[in-house]
Amino acid sequence: MRRNGLLPYLRPDGKTQVTVRYDDSGRPVRVEKVPISTRHEVRRTFQTEQAIEELSVFDNIAMVHEHSGLGRSSRRQDVLDAIAFVGLDAAPDTKVRTLGAGQRRLVEVARAVVGRPRLVLLDEPAAGLPDEETGHLSDVIRRIPGHTAALAILVDHDMSLVSACCQTTAVLDFGAITPATGRNP
């Protein structure tokens, strides 16, 4: 099984409730559960923002780190590294409510990559963003596997985002997974 990389799965009807694993050749295989040993190793973004508006950028990301199974000794540096990784230009003490939509999405991705996740699920991470902010976000998404050594799964209907982020694509159509297609980098 591929241990890291970025592989989306798409479903034409908009439902994304099936867990997918890929074998070494990139072929999708349906399974009942993801081979992750603890919940600490799974992170995800949602279509709607989950950051708490009244908290600072730092505190929103630190809250996820608290539940990552890692000790407090690395928390500050891990949170600052996640902020730097996504390229957020707001100060860590900035309240999330003061951020624009693109910056708020970057906070969501920073929450997903903080610590040492083995699986990062991205559910329509650029929904509602203008093209220029989607472009920056796609650059960040593409770098997640190298930064975290995690498998990243992108679920999206925006084929330009999927094409920009992923080398291998699979489509879930009425419960059947079509063969993965790949392209040269």
N, C-alpha and C. Protein backbone atom coordinates (compact mmCIF):
# COMPACT_ATOMS: atom_id res chain seq x y z
N MET A 1 0.83 -1.18 0.00
CA MET A 1 0.00 0.00 0.00
C MET A 1 0.87 1.24 0.00
N ARG A 2 0.43 2.26 -0.69
CA ARG A 2 1.14 3.52 -0.73
C ARG A 2 1.03 4.17 0.65
N ARG A 3 2.15 4.48 1.26
CA ARG A 3 2.15 5.05 2.61
C ARG A 3 2.07 6.57 2.59
N ASN A 4 2.53 7.19 1.51
CA ASN A 4 2.37 8.63 1.41
C ASN A 4 2.12 8.99 -0.03
N GLY A 5 1.64 10.17 -0.25
CA GLY A 5 1.30 10.62 -1.58
C GLY A 5 0.01 11.41 -1.52
N LEU A 6 -0.46 11.83 -2.67
CA LEU A 6 -1.70 12.59 -2.75
C LEU A 6 -2.59 11.94 -3.77
N LEU A 7 -3.65 11.33 -3.31
CA LEU A 7 -4.57 10.61 -4.19
C LEU A 7 -5.99 11.06 -3.89
N PRO A 8 -6.67 11.63 -4.89
CA PRO A 8 -8.05 12.03 -4.64
C PRO A 8 -8.99 10.88 -4.93
N TYR A 9 -10.20 10.97 -4.42
CA TYR A 9 -11.24 10.14 -4.97
C TYR A 9 -12.46 11.02 -5.17
N LEU A 10 -13.11 10.85 -6.29
CA LEU A 10 -14.19 11.71 -6.71
C LEU A 10 -15.45 10.90 -6.82
N ARG A 11 -16.56 11.51 -6.51
CA ARG A 11 -17.84 10.83 -6.64
C ARG A 11 -18.82 11.80 -7.30
N PRO A 12 -19.35 11.47 -8.45
CA PRO A 12 -20.19 12.40 -9.18
C PRO A 12 -21.40 12.90 -8.41
N ASP A 13 -21.97 12.11 -7.52
CA ASP A 13 -23.17 12.55 -6.80
C ASP A 13 -22.86 13.35 -5.55
N GLY A 14 -21.58 13.65 -5.30
CA GLY A 14 -21.20 14.50 -4.19
C GLY A 14 -21.09 13.81 -2.84
N LYS A 15 -21.37 12.51 -2.76
CA LYS A 15 -21.26 11.79 -1.49
C LYS A 15 -19.89 11.13 -1.41
N THR A 16 -19.28 11.18 -0.24
CA THR A 16 -17.90 10.72 -0.11
C THR A 16 -17.74 9.86 1.14
N GLN A 17 -18.54 8.81 1.26
CA GLN A 17 -18.57 8.04 2.49
C GLN A 17 -17.83 6.70 2.42
N VAL A 18 -17.02 6.46 1.41
CA VAL A 18 -16.33 5.19 1.26
C VAL A 18 -14.85 5.38 1.56
N THR A 19 -14.27 4.48 2.34
CA THR A 19 -12.85 4.51 2.63
C THR A 19 -12.11 3.78 1.52
N VAL A 20 -11.04 4.39 1.02
CA VAL A 20 -10.31 3.83 -0.12
C VAL A 20 -8.83 3.67 0.24
N ARG A 21 -8.27 2.52 -0.12
CA ARG A 21 -6.83 2.29 -0.04
C ARG A 21 -6.32 2.03 -1.44
N TYR A 22 -5.04 2.26 -1.66
CA TYR A 22 -4.42 2.03 -2.95
C TYR A 22 -3.30 1.03 -2.78
N ASP A 23 -3.18 0.10 -3.73
CA ASP A 23 -2.07 -0.84 -3.65
C ASP A 23 -0.82 -0.20 -4.26
N ASP A 24 0.29 -0.92 -4.29
CA ASP A 24 1.56 -0.37 -4.75
C ASP A 24 1.53 0.10 -6.19
N SER A 25 0.66 -0.47 -7.01
CA SER A 25 0.59 -0.06 -8.41
C SER A 25 -0.36 1.12 -8.62
N GLY A 26 -0.99 1.60 -7.55
CA GLY A 26 -1.89 2.74 -7.66
C GLY A 26 -3.33 2.35 -7.91
N ARG A 27 -3.63 1.06 -7.92
CA ARG A 27 -5.01 0.62 -8.12
C ARG A 27 -5.79 0.79 -6.83
N PRO A 28 -6.99 1.37 -6.91
CA PRO A 28 -7.79 1.53 -5.71
C PRO A 28 -8.41 0.21 -5.26
N VAL A 29 -8.48 0.01 -3.96
CA VAL A 29 -9.06 -1.19 -3.37
C VAL A 29 -10.01 -0.73 -2.27
N ARG A 30 -11.26 -1.17 -2.30
CA ARG A 30 -12.20 -0.76 -1.26
C ARG A 30 -11.94 -1.60 -0.01
N VAL A 31 -11.90 -0.95 1.14
CA VAL A 31 -11.70 -1.63 2.41
C VAL A 31 -12.67 -1.05 3.43
N GLU A 32 -12.79 -1.69 4.55
CA GLU A 32 -13.72 -1.24 5.58
C GLU A 32 -13.13 -0.15 6.47
N LYS A 33 -11.84 -0.21 6.72
CA LYS A 33 -11.26 0.83 7.57
C LYS A 33 -9.86 1.17 7.08
N VAL A 34 -9.44 2.38 7.41
CA VAL A 34 -8.12 2.84 7.03
C VAL A 34 -7.10 2.24 7.98
N PRO A 35 -5.94 1.76 7.47
CA PRO A 35 -4.95 1.13 8.35
C PRO A 35 -4.15 2.15 9.15
N ILE A 36 -4.82 2.81 10.05
CA ILE A 36 -4.19 3.79 10.93
C ILE A 36 -4.35 3.26 12.35
N SER A 37 -3.26 3.30 13.11
CA SER A 37 -3.31 2.65 14.41
C SER A 37 -4.08 3.46 15.46
N THR A 38 -4.13 4.76 15.35
CA THR A 38 -4.88 5.55 16.32
C THR A 38 -5.56 6.73 15.64
N ARG A 39 -6.55 7.29 16.29
CA ARG A 39 -7.24 8.46 15.76
C ARG A 39 -6.31 9.66 15.71
N HIS A 40 -5.25 9.66 16.52
CA HIS A 40 -4.32 10.78 16.53
C HIS A 40 -3.65 10.97 15.18
N GLU A 41 -3.61 9.94 14.39
CA GLU A 41 -2.87 9.98 13.13
C GLU A 41 -3.72 10.42 11.94
N VAL A 42 -4.99 10.68 12.16
CA VAL A 42 -5.89 11.09 11.09
C VAL A 42 -6.28 12.55 11.29
N ARG A 43 -6.15 13.35 10.23
CA ARG A 43 -6.58 14.75 10.27
C ARG A 43 -7.46 14.98 9.05
N ARG A 44 -8.33 15.98 9.14
CA ARG A 44 -9.15 16.29 7.98
C ARG A 44 -9.55 17.75 7.98
N THR A 45 -9.84 18.22 6.79
CA THR A 45 -10.49 19.51 6.65
C THR A 45 -11.92 19.24 6.24
N PHE A 46 -12.77 20.21 6.45
CA PHE A 46 -14.18 20.07 6.13
C PHE A 46 -14.56 21.10 5.07
N GLN A 47 -15.69 20.89 4.41
CA GLN A 47 -16.16 21.88 3.44
C GLN A 47 -16.47 23.20 4.12
N THR A 48 -16.96 23.14 5.34
CA THR A 48 -17.23 24.35 6.11
C THR A 48 -16.13 24.51 7.15
N GLU A 49 -15.83 25.73 7.47
CA GLU A 49 -14.74 26.02 8.40
C GLU A 49 -15.05 25.48 9.79
N GLN A 50 -14.02 24.95 10.43
CA GLN A 50 -14.16 24.41 11.78
C GLN A 50 -13.35 25.21 12.80
N ALA A 51 -12.54 26.15 12.34
CA ALA A 51 -11.75 26.96 13.27
C ALA A 51 -12.69 27.78 14.15
N ILE A 52 -12.29 27.99 15.38
CA ILE A 52 -13.09 28.75 16.33
C ILE A 52 -12.73 30.23 16.18
N GLU A 53 -13.71 31.02 15.77
CA GLU A 53 -13.48 32.43 15.42
C GLU A 53 -12.90 33.25 16.56
N GLU A 54 -13.28 32.96 17.79
CA GLU A 54 -12.84 33.77 18.93
C GLU A 54 -11.41 33.44 19.37
N LEU A 55 -10.87 32.32 18.90
CA LEU A 55 -9.50 31.95 19.25
C LEU A 55 -8.52 32.52 18.24
N SER A 56 -7.28 32.60 18.65
CA SER A 56 -6.22 33.05 17.73
C SER A 56 -5.88 31.93 16.76
N VAL A 57 -5.15 32.29 15.72
CA VAL A 57 -4.64 31.31 14.77
C VAL A 57 -3.84 30.25 15.53
N PHE A 58 -2.92 30.70 16.39
CA PHE A 58 -2.07 29.78 17.15
C PHE A 58 -2.91 28.82 17.98
N ASP A 59 -3.88 29.36 18.74
CA ASP A 59 -4.67 28.53 19.63
C ASP A 59 -5.53 27.52 18.87
N ASN A 60 -6.04 27.90 17.70
CA ASN A 60 -6.82 26.96 16.89
C ASN A 60 -5.98 25.77 16.47
N ILE A 61 -4.76 26.03 16.06
CA ILE A 61 -3.88 24.95 15.60
C ILE A 61 -3.35 24.16 16.79
N ALA A 62 -3.03 24.86 17.88
CA ALA A 62 -2.53 24.20 19.09
C ALA A 62 -3.58 23.25 19.68
N MET A 63 -4.85 23.61 19.55
CA MET A 63 -5.92 22.76 20.06
C MET A 63 -5.89 21.39 19.37
N VAL A 64 -5.63 21.38 18.07
CA VAL A 64 -5.52 20.11 17.35
C VAL A 64 -4.27 19.37 17.80
N HIS A 65 -3.18 20.10 17.98
CA HIS A 65 -1.93 19.49 18.44
C HIS A 65 -2.12 18.81 19.79
N GLU A 66 -2.92 19.42 20.67
CA GLU A 66 -3.19 18.84 21.99
C GLU A 66 -3.76 17.43 21.89
N HIS A 67 -4.49 17.16 20.83
CA HIS A 67 -5.13 15.85 20.64
C HIS A 67 -4.35 14.97 19.67
N SER A 68 -3.10 15.32 19.42
CA SER A 68 -2.31 14.56 18.44
C SER A 68 -1.51 13.42 19.06
N GLY A 69 -1.51 13.34 20.37
CA GLY A 69 -0.74 12.30 21.03
C GLY A 69 0.72 12.69 21.24
N LEU A 70 1.09 13.90 20.80
CA LEU A 70 2.46 14.38 21.00
C LEU A 70 2.52 15.16 22.30
N GLY A 71 3.68 15.25 22.86
CA GLY A 71 3.85 15.98 24.12
C GLY A 71 3.80 17.48 23.93
N ARG A 72 3.68 18.18 25.05
CA ARG A 72 3.63 19.64 25.01
C ARG A 72 4.98 20.26 24.63
N SER A 73 6.05 19.54 24.79
CA SER A 73 7.37 20.13 24.57
C SER A 73 7.57 20.60 23.14
N SER A 74 6.93 19.96 22.18
CA SER A 74 7.11 20.36 20.78
C SER A 74 5.96 21.21 20.26
N ARG A 75 4.96 21.47 21.11
CA ARG A 75 3.74 22.12 20.63
C ARG A 75 4.00 23.47 19.97
N ARG A 76 4.69 24.36 20.64
CA ARG A 76 4.90 25.71 20.08
C ARG A 76 5.58 25.64 18.72
N GLN A 77 6.66 24.88 18.64
CA GLN A 77 7.39 24.81 17.37
C GLN A 77 6.57 24.11 16.29
N ASP A 78 5.85 23.05 16.64
CA ASP A 78 5.01 22.35 15.66
C ASP A 78 3.92 23.27 15.10
N VAL A 79 3.31 24.08 15.97
CA VAL A 79 2.26 25.00 15.52
C VAL A 79 2.86 26.07 14.61
N LEU A 80 3.98 26.65 15.00
CA LEU A 80 4.62 27.67 14.17
C LEU A 80 5.08 27.08 12.83
N ASP A 81 5.55 25.83 12.84
CA ASP A 81 5.93 25.17 11.59
C ASP A 81 4.72 24.97 10.67
N ALA A 82 3.58 24.61 11.24
CA ALA A 82 2.36 24.43 10.44
C ALA A 82 1.92 25.75 9.82
N ILE A 83 2.01 26.83 10.59
CA ILE A 83 1.65 28.16 10.07
C ILE A 83 2.58 28.55 8.93
N ALA A 84 3.87 28.32 9.12
CA ALA A 84 4.84 28.64 8.07
C ALA A 84 4.63 27.76 6.84
N PHE A 85 4.33 26.49 7.04
CA PHE A 85 4.14 25.57 5.93
C PHE A 85 3.02 26.03 4.99
N VAL A 86 1.91 26.50 5.55
CA VAL A 86 0.79 26.91 4.70
C VAL A 86 0.98 28.32 4.14
N GLY A 87 1.98 29.03 4.61
CA GLY A 87 2.25 30.38 4.09
C GLY A 87 1.25 31.42 4.57
N LEU A 88 0.76 31.24 5.77
CA LEU A 88 -0.20 32.19 6.33
C LEU A 88 0.54 33.45 6.73
N ASP A 89 0.11 34.60 6.20
CA ASP A 89 0.82 35.84 6.50
C ASP A 89 0.25 36.60 7.70
N ALA A 90 -0.68 36.01 8.41
CA ALA A 90 -1.21 36.63 9.63
C ALA A 90 -0.35 36.23 10.81
N ALA A 91 -0.27 37.12 11.78
CA ALA A 91 0.47 36.82 13.00
C ALA A 91 -0.23 35.70 13.78
N PRO A 92 0.52 34.85 14.47
CA PRO A 92 -0.09 33.75 15.21
C PRO A 92 -1.13 34.18 16.25
N ASP A 93 -1.01 35.41 16.78
CA ASP A 93 -1.97 35.86 17.79
C ASP A 93 -3.21 36.54 17.19
N THR A 94 -3.33 36.55 15.87
CA THR A 94 -4.49 37.14 15.21
C THR A 94 -5.72 36.28 15.44
N LYS A 95 -6.83 36.93 15.79
CA LYS A 95 -8.10 36.20 15.95
C LYS A 95 -8.58 35.72 14.59
N VAL A 96 -9.05 34.50 14.53
CA VAL A 96 -9.50 33.91 13.26
C VAL A 96 -10.64 34.73 12.66
N ARG A 97 -11.50 35.32 13.47
CA ARG A 97 -12.65 36.08 12.94
C ARG A 97 -12.22 37.26 12.08
N THR A 98 -10.98 37.72 12.22
CA THR A 98 -10.52 38.88 11.45
C THR A 98 -9.90 38.49 10.11
N LEU A 99 -9.77 37.22 9.85
CA LEU A 99 -9.12 36.75 8.63
C LEU A 99 -10.10 36.66 7.47
N GLY A 100 -9.56 36.82 6.25
CA GLY A 100 -10.36 36.61 5.05
C GLY A 100 -10.56 35.13 4.79
N ALA A 101 -11.40 34.81 3.83
CA ALA A 101 -11.74 33.41 3.53
C ALA A 101 -10.52 32.58 3.18
N GLY A 102 -9.63 33.10 2.35
CA GLY A 102 -8.44 32.34 1.95
C GLY A 102 -7.53 32.05 3.12
N GLN A 103 -7.34 33.03 3.99
CA GLN A 103 -6.50 32.82 5.17
C GLN A 103 -7.14 31.83 6.13
N ARG A 104 -8.46 31.87 6.24
CA ARG A 104 -9.15 30.93 7.12
C ARG A 104 -8.98 29.49 6.61
N ARG A 105 -9.01 29.32 5.29
CA ARG A 105 -8.78 27.98 4.71
C ARG A 105 -7.37 27.51 5.00
N LEU A 106 -6.41 28.43 4.99
CA LEU A 106 -5.04 28.05 5.32
C LEU A 106 -4.93 27.62 6.79
N VAL A 107 -5.69 28.28 7.67
CA VAL A 107 -5.72 27.85 9.08
C VAL A 107 -6.24 26.42 9.15
N GLU A 108 -7.29 26.11 8.38
CA GLU A 108 -7.85 24.75 8.37
C GLU A 108 -6.80 23.73 7.93
N VAL A 109 -6.03 24.06 6.90
CA VAL A 109 -5.00 23.12 6.43
C VAL A 109 -3.88 23.01 7.46
N ALA A 110 -3.50 24.11 8.09
CA ALA A 110 -2.48 24.06 9.15
C ALA A 110 -2.94 23.16 10.29
N ARG A 111 -4.22 23.21 10.63
CA ARG A 111 -4.77 22.33 11.67
C ARG A 111 -4.64 20.86 11.23
N ALA A 112 -4.77 20.61 9.93
CA ALA A 112 -4.72 19.24 9.43
C ALA A 112 -3.30 18.68 9.38
N VAL A 113 -2.30 19.54 9.25
CA VAL A 113 -0.92 19.03 9.10
C VAL A 113 -0.09 19.13 10.36
N VAL A 114 -0.60 19.79 11.42
CA VAL A 114 0.19 19.94 12.63
C VAL A 114 0.44 18.57 13.28
N GLY A 115 1.60 18.41 13.83
CA GLY A 115 1.94 17.12 14.45
C GLY A 115 2.44 16.14 13.40
N ARG A 116 2.11 14.89 13.59
CA ARG A 116 2.61 13.85 12.68
C ARG A 116 1.46 12.97 12.16
N PRO A 117 0.57 13.54 11.36
CA PRO A 117 -0.53 12.72 10.83
C PRO A 117 -0.01 11.70 9.83
N ARG A 118 -0.69 10.58 9.72
CA ARG A 118 -0.37 9.58 8.68
C ARG A 118 -1.38 9.64 7.55
N LEU A 119 -2.54 10.24 7.82
CA LEU A 119 -3.58 10.37 6.82
C LEU A 119 -4.20 11.76 6.95
N VAL A 120 -4.23 12.50 5.82
CA VAL A 120 -4.82 13.83 5.79
C VAL A 120 -5.94 13.80 4.75
N LEU A 121 -7.18 14.00 5.20
CA LEU A 121 -8.34 14.02 4.32
C LEU A 121 -8.73 15.47 4.07
N LEU A 122 -8.82 15.84 2.81
CA LEU A 122 -9.15 17.21 2.43
C LEU A 122 -10.48 17.20 1.68
N ASP A 123 -11.52 17.68 2.31
CA ASP A 123 -12.86 17.66 1.74
C ASP A 123 -13.18 19.04 1.17
N GLU A 124 -13.09 19.18 -0.14
CA GLU A 124 -13.33 20.43 -0.85
C GLU A 124 -12.67 21.62 -0.15
N PRO A 125 -11.35 21.57 -0.01
CA PRO A 125 -10.65 22.59 0.78
C PRO A 125 -10.67 24.00 0.18
N ALA A 126 -10.94 24.13 -1.11
CA ALA A 126 -10.93 25.46 -1.74
C ALA A 126 -12.33 25.96 -2.07
N ALA A 127 -13.35 25.33 -1.52
CA ALA A 127 -14.73 25.72 -1.83
C ALA A 127 -14.94 27.20 -1.57
N GLY A 128 -15.41 27.91 -2.58
CA GLY A 128 -15.74 29.32 -2.44
C GLY A 128 -14.58 30.29 -2.58
N LEU A 129 -13.38 29.79 -2.83
CA LEU A 129 -12.23 30.70 -2.94
C LEU A 129 -12.06 31.19 -4.38
N PRO A 130 -11.57 32.42 -4.55
CA PRO A 130 -11.25 32.90 -5.90
C PRO A 130 -10.03 32.16 -6.45
N ASP A 131 -9.84 32.23 -7.76
CA ASP A 131 -8.77 31.48 -8.44
C ASP A 131 -7.38 31.72 -7.85
N GLU A 132 -7.03 32.97 -7.53
CA GLU A 132 -5.67 33.23 -7.04
C GLU A 132 -5.43 32.56 -5.69
N GLU A 133 -6.42 32.56 -4.82
CA GLU A 133 -6.27 31.89 -3.53
C GLU A 133 -6.31 30.38 -3.68
N THR A 134 -7.10 29.89 -4.65
CA THR A 134 -7.12 28.45 -4.94
C THR A 134 -5.75 28.01 -5.44
N GLY A 135 -5.10 28.84 -6.25
CA GLY A 135 -3.76 28.52 -6.75
C GLY A 135 -2.76 28.34 -5.63
N HIS A 136 -2.76 29.25 -4.65
CA HIS A 136 -1.84 29.12 -3.51
C HIS A 136 -2.18 27.87 -2.70
N LEU A 137 -3.47 27.65 -2.47
CA LEU A 137 -3.88 26.48 -1.70
C LEU A 137 -3.48 25.19 -2.41
N SER A 138 -3.58 25.15 -3.72
CA SER A 138 -3.19 23.93 -4.45
C SER A 138 -1.69 23.68 -4.30
N ASP A 139 -0.89 24.74 -4.26
CA ASP A 139 0.56 24.57 -4.01
C ASP A 139 0.79 23.95 -2.64
N VAL A 140 0.05 24.41 -1.64
CA VAL A 140 0.18 23.88 -0.28
C VAL A 140 -0.25 22.42 -0.26
N ILE A 141 -1.39 22.11 -0.87
CA ILE A 141 -1.90 20.74 -0.88
C ILE A 141 -0.90 19.78 -1.52
N ARG A 142 -0.31 20.20 -2.62
CA ARG A 142 0.67 19.36 -3.33
C ARG A 142 1.86 19.02 -2.44
N ARG A 143 2.22 19.92 -1.52
CA ARG A 143 3.39 19.70 -0.67
C ARG A 143 3.09 18.92 0.60
N ILE A 144 1.83 18.64 0.90
CA ILE A 144 1.49 17.95 2.16
C ILE A 144 2.19 16.60 2.31
N PRO A 145 2.17 15.71 1.31
CA PRO A 145 2.82 14.40 1.51
C PRO A 145 4.31 14.52 1.83
N GLY A 146 5.02 15.43 1.17
CA GLY A 146 6.44 15.59 1.44
C GLY A 146 6.70 16.20 2.80
N HIS A 147 5.82 17.08 3.24
CA HIS A 147 5.99 17.75 4.53
C HIS A 147 5.64 16.83 5.70
N THR A 148 4.60 16.02 5.55
CA THR A 148 4.11 15.22 6.66
C THR A 148 4.44 13.74 6.55
N ALA A 149 4.85 13.28 5.37
CA ALA A 149 5.04 11.85 5.08
C ALA A 149 3.72 11.10 5.22
N ALA A 150 2.61 11.80 5.03
CA ALA A 150 1.28 11.20 5.17
C ALA A 150 0.66 10.97 3.79
N LEU A 151 -0.29 10.08 3.76
CA LEU A 151 -1.14 9.93 2.59
C LEU A 151 -2.19 11.03 2.67
N ALA A 152 -2.32 11.80 1.61
CA ALA A 152 -3.34 12.85 1.56
C ALA A 152 -4.39 12.42 0.55
N ILE A 153 -5.65 12.52 0.94
CA ILE A 153 -6.76 12.19 0.04
C ILE A 153 -7.56 13.47 -0.18
N LEU A 154 -7.65 13.87 -1.42
CA LEU A 154 -8.38 15.07 -1.81
C LEU A 154 -9.71 14.66 -2.40
N VAL A 155 -10.79 15.14 -1.80
CA VAL A 155 -12.14 14.88 -2.30
C VAL A 155 -12.65 16.22 -2.83
N ASP A 156 -12.86 16.30 -4.13
CA ASP A 156 -13.28 17.57 -4.71
C ASP A 156 -13.94 17.35 -6.05
N HIS A 157 -14.75 18.32 -6.46
CA HIS A 157 -15.41 18.27 -7.76
C HIS A 157 -14.76 19.25 -8.73
N ASP A 158 -13.82 20.05 -8.24
CA ASP A 158 -13.12 21.04 -9.05
C ASP A 158 -11.96 20.34 -9.76
N MET A 159 -12.19 19.98 -11.00
CA MET A 159 -11.18 19.20 -11.73
C MET A 159 -9.89 19.98 -11.96
N SER A 160 -9.96 21.32 -12.03
CA SER A 160 -8.72 22.07 -12.20
C SER A 160 -7.88 21.99 -10.92
N LEU A 161 -8.51 22.00 -9.75
CA LEU A 161 -7.78 21.82 -8.50
C LEU A 161 -7.21 20.41 -8.41
N VAL A 162 -8.02 19.42 -8.73
CA VAL A 162 -7.56 18.03 -8.68
C VAL A 162 -6.37 17.84 -9.63
N SER A 163 -6.48 18.36 -10.84
CA SER A 163 -5.40 18.22 -11.82
C SER A 163 -4.13 18.92 -11.35
N ALA A 164 -4.29 20.07 -10.70
CA ALA A 164 -3.12 20.81 -10.22
C ALA A 164 -2.42 20.11 -9.05
N CYS A 165 -3.18 19.32 -8.29
CA CYS A 165 -2.63 18.72 -7.06
C CYS A 165 -2.21 17.27 -7.20
N CYS A 166 -2.85 16.52 -8.08
CA CYS A 166 -2.73 15.06 -8.04
C CYS A 166 -2.18 14.49 -9.33
N GLN A 167 -1.33 13.49 -9.19
CA GLN A 167 -0.82 12.76 -10.35
C GLN A 167 -1.66 11.53 -10.65
N THR A 168 -2.40 11.05 -9.66
CA THR A 168 -3.23 9.87 -9.83
C THR A 168 -4.64 10.22 -9.38
N THR A 169 -5.63 9.80 -10.17
CA THR A 169 -7.02 10.12 -9.87
C THR A 169 -7.87 8.86 -9.96
N ALA A 170 -8.80 8.74 -9.04
CA ALA A 170 -9.78 7.66 -9.08
C ALA A 170 -11.16 8.28 -8.93
N VAL A 171 -12.15 7.69 -9.55
CA VAL A 171 -13.52 8.20 -9.47
C VAL A 171 -14.40 7.15 -8.84
N LEU A 172 -15.18 7.56 -7.86
CA LEU A 172 -16.16 6.68 -7.23
C LEU A 172 -17.50 7.00 -7.87
N ASP A 173 -18.08 6.03 -8.58
CA ASP A 173 -19.30 6.24 -9.33
C ASP A 173 -20.32 5.18 -8.93
N PHE A 174 -21.34 5.59 -8.17
CA PHE A 174 -22.38 4.68 -7.71
C PHE A 174 -21.79 3.45 -7.01
N GLY A 175 -20.82 3.68 -6.14
CA GLY A 175 -20.24 2.61 -5.34
C GLY A 175 -19.11 1.84 -5.97
N ALA A 176 -18.85 2.09 -7.24
CA ALA A 176 -17.75 1.39 -7.94
C ALA A 176 -16.60 2.37 -8.16
N ILE A 177 -15.39 1.89 -7.90
CA ILE A 177 -14.22 2.71 -8.09
C ILE A 177 -13.66 2.41 -9.47
N THR A 178 -13.55 3.44 -10.29
CA THR A 178 -12.96 3.25 -11.61
C THR A 178 -11.45 3.14 -11.44
N PRO A 179 -10.78 2.49 -12.37
CA PRO A 179 -9.33 2.37 -12.25
C PRO A 179 -8.66 3.73 -12.16
N ALA A 180 -7.63 3.79 -11.33
CA ALA A 180 -6.88 5.03 -11.18
C ALA A 180 -6.19 5.37 -12.48
N THR A 181 -6.17 6.66 -12.79
CA THR A 181 -5.45 7.12 -13.95
C THR A 181 -4.30 7.95 -13.48
N GLY A 182 -3.19 7.83 -14.14
CA GLY A 182 -2.02 8.61 -13.76
C GLY A 182 -1.55 9.47 -14.91
N ARG A 183 -0.75 10.45 -14.58
CA ARG A 183 -0.15 11.30 -15.59
C ARG A 183 1.28 11.57 -15.19
N ASN A 184 2.08 11.95 -16.13
CA ASN A 184 3.47 12.25 -15.82
C ASN A 184 3.56 13.58 -15.10
N PRO A 185 4.47 13.69 -14.13
CA PRO A 185 4.60 14.96 -13.39
C PRO A 185 5.06 16.08 -14.27
